Protein backbone atom coordinates (compact mmCIF):
# COMPACT_ATOMS: atom_id res chain seq x y z
CA MET A 1 15.26 -29.41 65.22
CA ILE A 2 15.26 -30.89 68.73
CA LEU A 3 18.50 -30.23 70.62
CA THR A 4 19.97 -32.45 73.30
CA LYS A 5 22.20 -30.11 75.34
CA VAL A 6 21.66 -26.67 76.81
CA SER A 7 25.01 -25.61 75.35
CA GLU A 8 23.55 -26.17 71.88
CA LEU A 9 21.31 -23.17 72.60
CA ILE A 10 24.37 -20.91 72.67
CA GLY A 11 24.62 -18.69 69.60
CA ASN A 12 22.38 -18.00 66.61
CA THR A 13 21.04 -15.00 68.52
CA PRO A 14 18.66 -12.65 66.68
CA MET A 15 19.51 -9.18 65.41
CA LEU A 16 17.34 -6.07 65.71
CA GLY A 17 17.81 -3.20 63.26
CA ILE A 18 17.12 0.41 64.24
CA TYR A 19 17.45 3.20 61.70
CA ILE A 20 18.87 6.44 63.10
CA PRO A 21 16.94 9.47 61.80
CA GLY A 22 18.89 12.16 60.00
CA THR A 23 21.82 9.83 59.28
CA ASP A 24 22.75 7.02 56.93
CA ALA A 25 23.35 4.71 59.89
CA ARG A 26 21.47 1.79 61.35
CA LEU A 27 22.13 0.15 64.71
CA LEU A 28 22.21 -3.63 64.46
CA LEU A 29 21.63 -4.90 67.98
CA LYS A 30 22.72 -8.54 68.30
CA ILE A 31 20.65 -9.93 71.17
CA GLU A 32 23.27 -11.91 73.10
CA LYS A 33 21.08 -11.88 76.19
CA ASN A 34 19.17 -14.69 74.42
CA ASN A 35 21.99 -17.13 75.11
CA PRO A 36 20.92 -19.67 77.78
CA GLY A 37 23.06 -18.07 80.50
CA GLY A 38 21.80 -14.65 79.54
CA SER A 39 24.96 -13.10 78.12
CA ILE A 40 27.59 -13.04 75.39
CA LYS A 41 30.01 -14.69 77.84
CA ASP A 42 28.34 -18.10 77.38
CA ARG A 43 30.30 -18.40 74.14
CA MET A 44 33.77 -17.91 75.60
CA ALA A 45 33.12 -19.76 78.87
CA ARG A 46 32.31 -23.01 77.08
CA ASN A 47 35.23 -22.50 74.70
CA MET A 48 37.69 -22.06 77.58
CA VAL A 49 36.48 -25.27 79.25
CA LEU A 50 36.62 -27.21 75.97
CA ALA A 51 40.16 -25.96 75.29
CA ALA A 52 41.32 -26.90 78.79
CA LEU A 53 39.82 -30.40 78.49
CA LYS A 54 41.24 -30.92 75.01
CA SER A 55 44.74 -29.90 76.11
CA GLY A 56 44.58 -32.17 79.16
CA ARG A 57 45.15 -29.27 81.53
CA LEU A 58 41.67 -29.94 82.95
CA LYS A 59 40.80 -33.57 83.70
CA PRO A 60 37.32 -35.14 83.71
CA GLY A 61 35.74 -34.58 87.11
CA GLY A 62 38.14 -31.69 87.77
CA VAL A 63 37.53 -28.28 89.28
CA VAL A 64 37.22 -25.00 87.38
CA VAL A 65 38.12 -21.86 89.31
CA GLU A 66 37.52 -18.35 88.00
CA SER A 67 37.32 -14.76 89.14
CA SER A 68 34.12 -13.27 87.75
CA SER A 69 31.68 -10.41 88.15
CA GLY A 70 28.96 -12.86 87.18
CA ASN A 71 28.36 -13.44 83.48
CA THR A 72 31.49 -15.49 82.81
CA GLY A 73 30.76 -17.34 86.03
CA ILE A 74 27.27 -18.24 84.84
CA GLY A 75 28.68 -19.52 81.56
CA LEU A 76 31.32 -21.59 83.37
CA ALA A 77 28.71 -22.96 85.79
CA MET A 78 26.68 -24.16 82.80
CA ALA A 79 29.73 -25.74 81.20
CA ALA A 80 30.65 -27.43 84.48
CA VAL A 81 27.23 -29.09 84.61
CA GLU A 82 27.53 -30.31 81.01
CA PHE A 83 31.04 -31.75 81.40
CA GLY A 84 30.67 -33.14 84.93
CA LEU A 85 33.01 -30.64 86.58
CA GLN A 86 32.96 -28.63 89.77
CA PHE A 87 33.00 -24.85 89.57
CA ILE A 88 34.25 -22.33 92.11
CA ALA A 89 33.38 -18.69 91.40
CA VAL A 90 35.46 -16.03 93.16
CA VAL A 91 33.40 -12.85 93.41
CA ASP A 92 33.34 -9.55 95.25
CA HIS A 93 30.63 -7.18 96.45
CA HIS A 94 30.50 -5.55 92.99
CA ALA A 95 28.84 -8.59 91.41
CA ALA A 96 25.08 -8.27 90.90
CA GLN A 97 23.26 -10.38 93.47
CA ASP A 98 21.01 -11.86 90.79
CA LYS A 99 24.09 -13.17 88.94
CA ILE A 100 25.41 -14.78 92.11
CA ALA A 101 22.00 -16.37 92.70
CA VAL A 102 22.02 -17.87 89.19
CA MET A 103 25.50 -19.34 89.70
CA LYS A 104 24.38 -20.87 93.00
CA ALA A 105 21.29 -22.32 91.34
CA LEU A 106 23.57 -24.00 88.79
CA GLY A 107 25.60 -25.61 91.56
CA ALA A 108 28.55 -23.22 91.74
CA ASP A 109 30.57 -22.82 94.92
CA ILE A 110 30.70 -19.07 95.62
CA ARG A 111 33.76 -17.63 97.35
CA PHE A 112 33.79 -13.95 98.35
CA VAL A 113 37.07 -12.10 98.65
CA ALA A 114 37.97 -10.80 102.09
CA GLY A 115 38.69 -7.17 102.84
CA THR A 116 36.89 -3.85 102.98
CA TYR A 117 36.15 -2.14 99.68
CA ARG A 118 34.12 0.88 98.66
CA GLU A 119 30.82 0.05 97.02
CA ASP A 120 32.02 1.44 93.69
CA GLU A 121 35.43 -0.26 93.94
CA VAL A 122 36.02 -3.45 91.96
CA ALA A 123 38.28 -5.93 93.80
CA VAL A 124 39.62 -7.61 90.66
CA VAL A 125 43.21 -7.89 91.90
CA GLU A 126 42.18 -9.72 95.07
CA ARG A 127 39.73 -11.88 93.14
CA GLN A 128 42.48 -12.96 90.76
CA ARG A 129 44.89 -13.65 93.62
CA LEU A 130 42.38 -15.77 95.52
CA ALA A 131 41.32 -17.71 92.41
CA ALA A 132 44.95 -18.56 91.60
CA GLU A 133 45.58 -19.58 95.21
CA LEU A 134 42.53 -21.88 95.31
CA ALA A 135 43.57 -23.54 92.05
CA GLU A 136 47.00 -24.29 93.53
CA GLN A 137 45.55 -25.69 96.75
CA ILE A 138 42.73 -27.86 95.38
CA PRO A 139 43.67 -31.14 93.64
CA GLY A 140 42.57 -31.25 90.01
CA ALA A 141 41.70 -27.54 89.94
CA VAL A 142 42.44 -25.17 87.06
CA PHE A 143 42.31 -21.37 87.17
CA MET A 144 40.71 -20.32 83.87
CA ASN A 145 42.21 -16.79 84.10
CA GLN A 146 40.01 -15.33 81.38
CA SER A 147 42.10 -12.14 81.14
CA ASP A 148 45.12 -14.06 79.82
CA ASN A 149 43.38 -17.07 78.26
CA ALA A 150 43.63 -17.21 74.45
CA ALA A 151 40.52 -19.41 74.34
CA ASN A 152 38.58 -16.39 75.62
CA ALA A 153 38.97 -14.46 72.36
CA GLY A 154 38.70 -17.68 70.37
CA GLY A 155 35.18 -18.23 71.68
CA TYR A 156 33.65 -15.53 69.48
CA SER A 157 34.20 -16.95 66.00
CA ASP A 158 30.56 -17.99 65.71
CA PHE A 159 29.42 -14.50 66.77
CA VAL A 160 31.41 -13.07 63.87
CA ARG A 161 30.09 -15.62 61.39
CA GLU A 162 26.47 -15.07 62.47
CA THR A 163 26.83 -11.29 62.36
CA ILE A 164 28.24 -11.27 58.83
CA VAL A 165 25.39 -13.49 57.61
CA GLN A 166 22.70 -11.42 59.36
CA ALA A 167 24.10 -8.13 58.04
CA GLU A 168 24.42 -9.69 54.57
CA GLY A 169 28.13 -8.97 54.67
CA VAL A 170 27.70 -5.19 54.91
CA ILE A 171 29.07 -3.82 58.18
CA GLY A 172 30.35 -0.29 58.73
CA ALA A 173 31.37 -0.51 62.37
CA TYR A 174 31.37 -2.57 65.53
CA VAL A 175 30.98 -0.99 68.98
CA GLY A 176 31.49 -3.18 72.05
CA CYS A 177 32.48 -2.85 75.68
CA VAL A 178 35.97 -3.90 76.74
CA GLY A 179 36.80 -5.68 79.99
CA THR A 180 39.19 -8.60 79.84
CA GLY A 181 39.39 -7.87 76.12
CA GLY A 182 38.28 -11.31 74.98
CA SER A 183 35.07 -10.36 73.19
CA MET A 184 36.50 -7.14 71.79
CA THR A 185 39.61 -8.85 70.45
CA GLY A 186 37.89 -11.96 69.11
CA ILE A 187 35.09 -10.06 67.39
CA ALA A 188 37.23 -7.17 66.10
CA ARG A 189 39.81 -9.54 64.63
CA GLY A 190 37.16 -11.62 62.93
CA LEU A 191 35.34 -8.63 61.47
CA LYS A 192 38.62 -7.09 60.27
CA GLN A 193 39.41 -10.33 58.46
CA HIS A 194 36.05 -10.05 56.72
CA ASN A 195 36.63 -6.38 55.87
CA PRO A 196 39.63 -4.37 57.13
CA ASP A 197 37.65 -1.15 56.67
CA ILE A 198 35.17 -1.99 59.42
CA VAL A 199 35.66 0.56 62.21
CA THR A 200 36.06 -1.12 65.61
CA VAL A 201 35.28 0.88 68.76
CA ALA A 202 35.97 -0.32 72.30
CA VAL A 203 34.01 1.31 75.13
CA GLU A 204 35.28 1.31 78.71
CA PRO A 205 33.78 2.95 81.83
CA ALA A 206 35.11 6.34 82.82
CA GLY A 207 37.52 5.37 85.60
CA SER A 208 38.88 2.31 83.76
CA ILE A 209 42.56 2.22 82.73
CA VAL A 210 42.35 0.18 79.50
CA PHE A 211 43.26 3.16 77.30
CA GLY A 212 45.60 4.91 79.70
CA HIS A 213 43.18 7.28 81.37
CA PRO A 214 43.40 7.96 85.13
CA GLY A 215 41.73 5.24 87.18
CA TYR A 216 38.97 5.86 89.70
CA PRO A 217 35.92 3.93 91.01
CA TYR A 218 32.95 3.18 88.79
CA TYR A 219 29.70 1.22 89.08
CA GLN A 220 29.45 -0.44 85.66
CA SER A 221 29.74 -4.18 86.18
CA GLY A 222 31.75 -6.69 84.19
CA THR A 223 33.55 -4.15 82.01
CA GLY A 224 36.71 -2.07 82.09
CA THR A 225 39.91 -2.57 84.08
CA PRO A 226 40.00 -0.84 87.47
CA ALA A 227 42.96 1.05 88.88
CA GLY A 228 45.49 -1.29 90.48
CA ASP A 229 44.82 -4.10 88.02
CA THR A 230 46.68 -4.79 84.78
CA VAL A 231 45.11 -5.03 81.34
CA GLY A 232 44.71 -8.67 80.29
CA LEU A 233 47.12 -10.25 77.83
CA VAL A 234 44.17 -11.35 75.70
CA LEU A 235 43.45 -7.75 74.65
CA ASP A 236 44.91 -6.93 71.23
CA TYR A 237 45.02 -3.15 70.80
CA SER A 238 46.06 -3.49 67.15
CA CYS A 239 42.57 -4.56 66.07
CA ILE A 240 40.86 -1.63 67.83
CA ASP A 241 40.49 1.61 65.87
CA LEU A 242 39.08 3.77 68.65
CA GLY A 243 38.92 3.53 72.44
CA VAL A 244 36.35 5.69 74.25
CA GLN A 245 34.97 6.13 77.76
CA VAL A 246 31.39 6.36 78.98
CA THR A 247 30.19 7.55 82.38
CA ASP A 248 28.03 5.47 84.69
CA SER A 249 25.15 7.94 84.29
CA GLN A 250 25.35 7.85 80.49
CA ALA A 251 25.42 4.05 80.49
CA PHE A 252 22.64 3.50 83.02
CA GLU A 253 20.31 6.22 81.77
CA THR A 254 20.65 4.83 78.23
CA SER A 255 19.70 1.34 79.45
CA ARG A 256 16.62 2.83 81.10
CA TYR A 257 15.77 4.84 77.97
CA ILE A 258 15.99 1.74 75.76
CA ALA A 259 13.67 -0.11 78.14
CA ARG A 260 11.07 2.66 78.04
CA HIS A 261 11.20 3.28 74.31
CA LEU A 262 12.05 -0.11 72.82
CA ALA A 263 10.74 -2.50 75.51
CA LEU A 264 14.16 -4.15 75.57
CA LEU A 265 15.94 -4.66 78.90
CA VAL A 266 19.70 -4.31 78.48
CA GLY A 267 22.51 -4.26 81.02
CA GLY A 268 24.44 -1.18 82.07
CA SER A 269 27.52 -1.81 79.95
CA THR A 270 25.31 -2.28 76.90
CA GLY A 271 23.66 1.04 77.64
CA GLY A 272 27.14 2.55 77.51
CA THR A 273 27.95 1.04 74.11
CA ILE A 274 24.63 2.21 72.65
CA PHE A 275 25.20 5.74 73.95
CA LYS A 276 28.69 5.96 72.45
CA ALA A 277 27.56 4.39 69.18
CA LEU A 278 24.85 7.03 68.79
CA GLU A 279 27.26 9.80 69.76
CA LEU A 280 29.83 8.69 67.18
CA ILE A 281 27.15 8.30 64.51
CA HIS A 282 26.01 11.88 65.05
CA LYS A 283 29.60 13.11 65.00
CA GLY A 284 29.99 11.50 61.60
CA VAL A 285 32.60 9.02 62.82
CA LEU A 286 30.44 5.95 62.18
CA SER A 287 28.00 5.19 59.37
CA GLY A 288 26.21 2.33 57.67
CA ASN A 289 25.41 -0.80 59.67
CA VAL A 290 26.78 -0.31 63.18
CA VAL A 291 26.78 -3.57 65.14
CA VAL A 292 26.32 -3.39 68.92
CA PRO A 293 25.96 -6.55 71.03
CA ILE A 294 23.35 -6.67 73.76
CA ALA A 295 26.00 -8.22 75.99
CA ASP A 296 23.54 -9.11 78.73
CA GLY A 297 20.02 -8.31 79.84
CA GLY A 298 18.71 -5.73 82.25
CA GLU A 299 16.89 -8.45 84.17
CA LYS A 300 20.10 -8.88 86.20
CA TYR A 301 20.11 -5.22 87.25
CA LEU A 302 16.53 -4.54 88.30
CA HIS A 303 17.68 -3.63 91.82
CA THR A 304 20.44 -1.31 90.61
CA VAL A 305 20.37 0.21 87.13
CA PHE A 306 16.56 0.16 86.98
CA ASP A 307 15.96 1.25 90.57
CA ASP A 308 15.42 5.01 90.95
CA LYS A 309 16.27 4.98 94.65
CA TRP A 310 19.53 3.09 94.14
CA LEU A 311 20.63 5.51 91.43
CA ASP A 312 19.54 8.61 93.35
CA GLU A 313 21.45 7.56 96.46
CA ARG A 314 24.62 7.34 94.36
CA ASP A 315 24.00 10.56 92.42
CA LEU A 316 23.74 8.64 89.14
CA LEU A 317 20.43 10.02 87.87
CA ASP A 318 20.92 12.42 84.96
CA PRO A 319 17.81 13.45 82.96
CA GLY A 320 20.10 15.24 80.52
CA VAL A 321 21.07 11.88 79.03
CA ALA A 322 17.47 11.13 78.01
CA SER A 323 17.22 14.62 76.48
CA GLN A 324 20.37 13.94 74.49
CA LEU A 325 18.99 10.60 73.29
CA ASP A 326 15.75 12.33 72.27
CA ALA A 327 17.80 14.81 70.24
CA TRP A 328 19.72 12.02 68.53
CA LEU A 329 16.70 9.83 67.88
CA GLY A 330 13.84 12.32 67.67
CA LYS A 331 11.09 12.30 70.29
CA ASN A 332 8.64 10.67 67.91
CA HIS A 333 11.15 8.26 66.39
CA TRP A 334 9.96 5.19 68.25
CA GLN A 335 6.29 5.70 67.43
CA GLU A 336 7.07 6.49 63.79
CA SER A 337 9.46 3.58 63.41
CA SER A 338 7.07 1.00 64.83
CA SER A 339 5.37 0.75 61.46
CA ALA A 340 8.47 0.54 59.27
CA PRO A 341 12.16 0.61 60.21
CA LEU A 342 12.34 -1.92 63.01
CA GLN A 343 13.16 -5.32 61.64
CA LEU A 344 14.12 -8.64 63.14
CA SER A 345 16.42 -11.08 61.45
CA VAL A 346 17.64 -14.46 62.61
CA ALA A 347 20.68 -16.23 61.17
């Protein structure tokens, strides 16, 4: 089939199955980095723009304004091109430079928040304030406000449908990162409708306040809710069975481990979800087919997560994580599994 719009490339992402030795579990990695903007956020970004246009809140030729650490911004920049809109991305120093470069390449107007912030401090509150202010000042502008936008969670219905088909309807658990709560809520709700017994696990960075833990700075990008911010209205706690935290070192070292052993580049937050999924499998909390989305690719973090010097300067290197992953997966697991367990399926 020959497609006519880049947005038609969104979805139908492949799934990679990895059997976990010594357990009855299998990780099902849904490769969302294969979306045209490189992340799972392509789905919700287009859905938010479509909903705003359909309701009349956003007019043809209008301006979309959003606070973003990068992936949602890339998705909105793509949607703006398709629908003939302008896009203003409000970012802070925490956004990966490669993500900002992609948004610029797609024609986005990048606005940095003012003020002095620590390198590991996410300026979400100021980003939100500035985005709302710009939307009020600019004629025809609409602040998407993904944290409180119902169309955020509504953008993941196809993800759920595809996942159920690929897993042949048999899913034991879903493990995903939680930031604004849109993907976690939309996917967890949909999977629970398919089977209420599916265990849903939300992973936030250590230092995030989503599940009531003390807030402090963290380096994981595009996930969690930092201290001083409020949890988005889109997050529905009732569809989440378990909320857990993962440290920056656990998340980043897992991303690096997956690259070295599976030749798959995944982002830092995805490394965190894989680490916690494996931990919970070995604790006997999760079993069967455990779905984990590859929310975005490691290509956007080559100068951070995959840079030894960057990690060392921030005391984020921890060889103990790789040792733990070896224990969970077996040192020879990857070589042994190359001839049998790994399997690729496309909806």
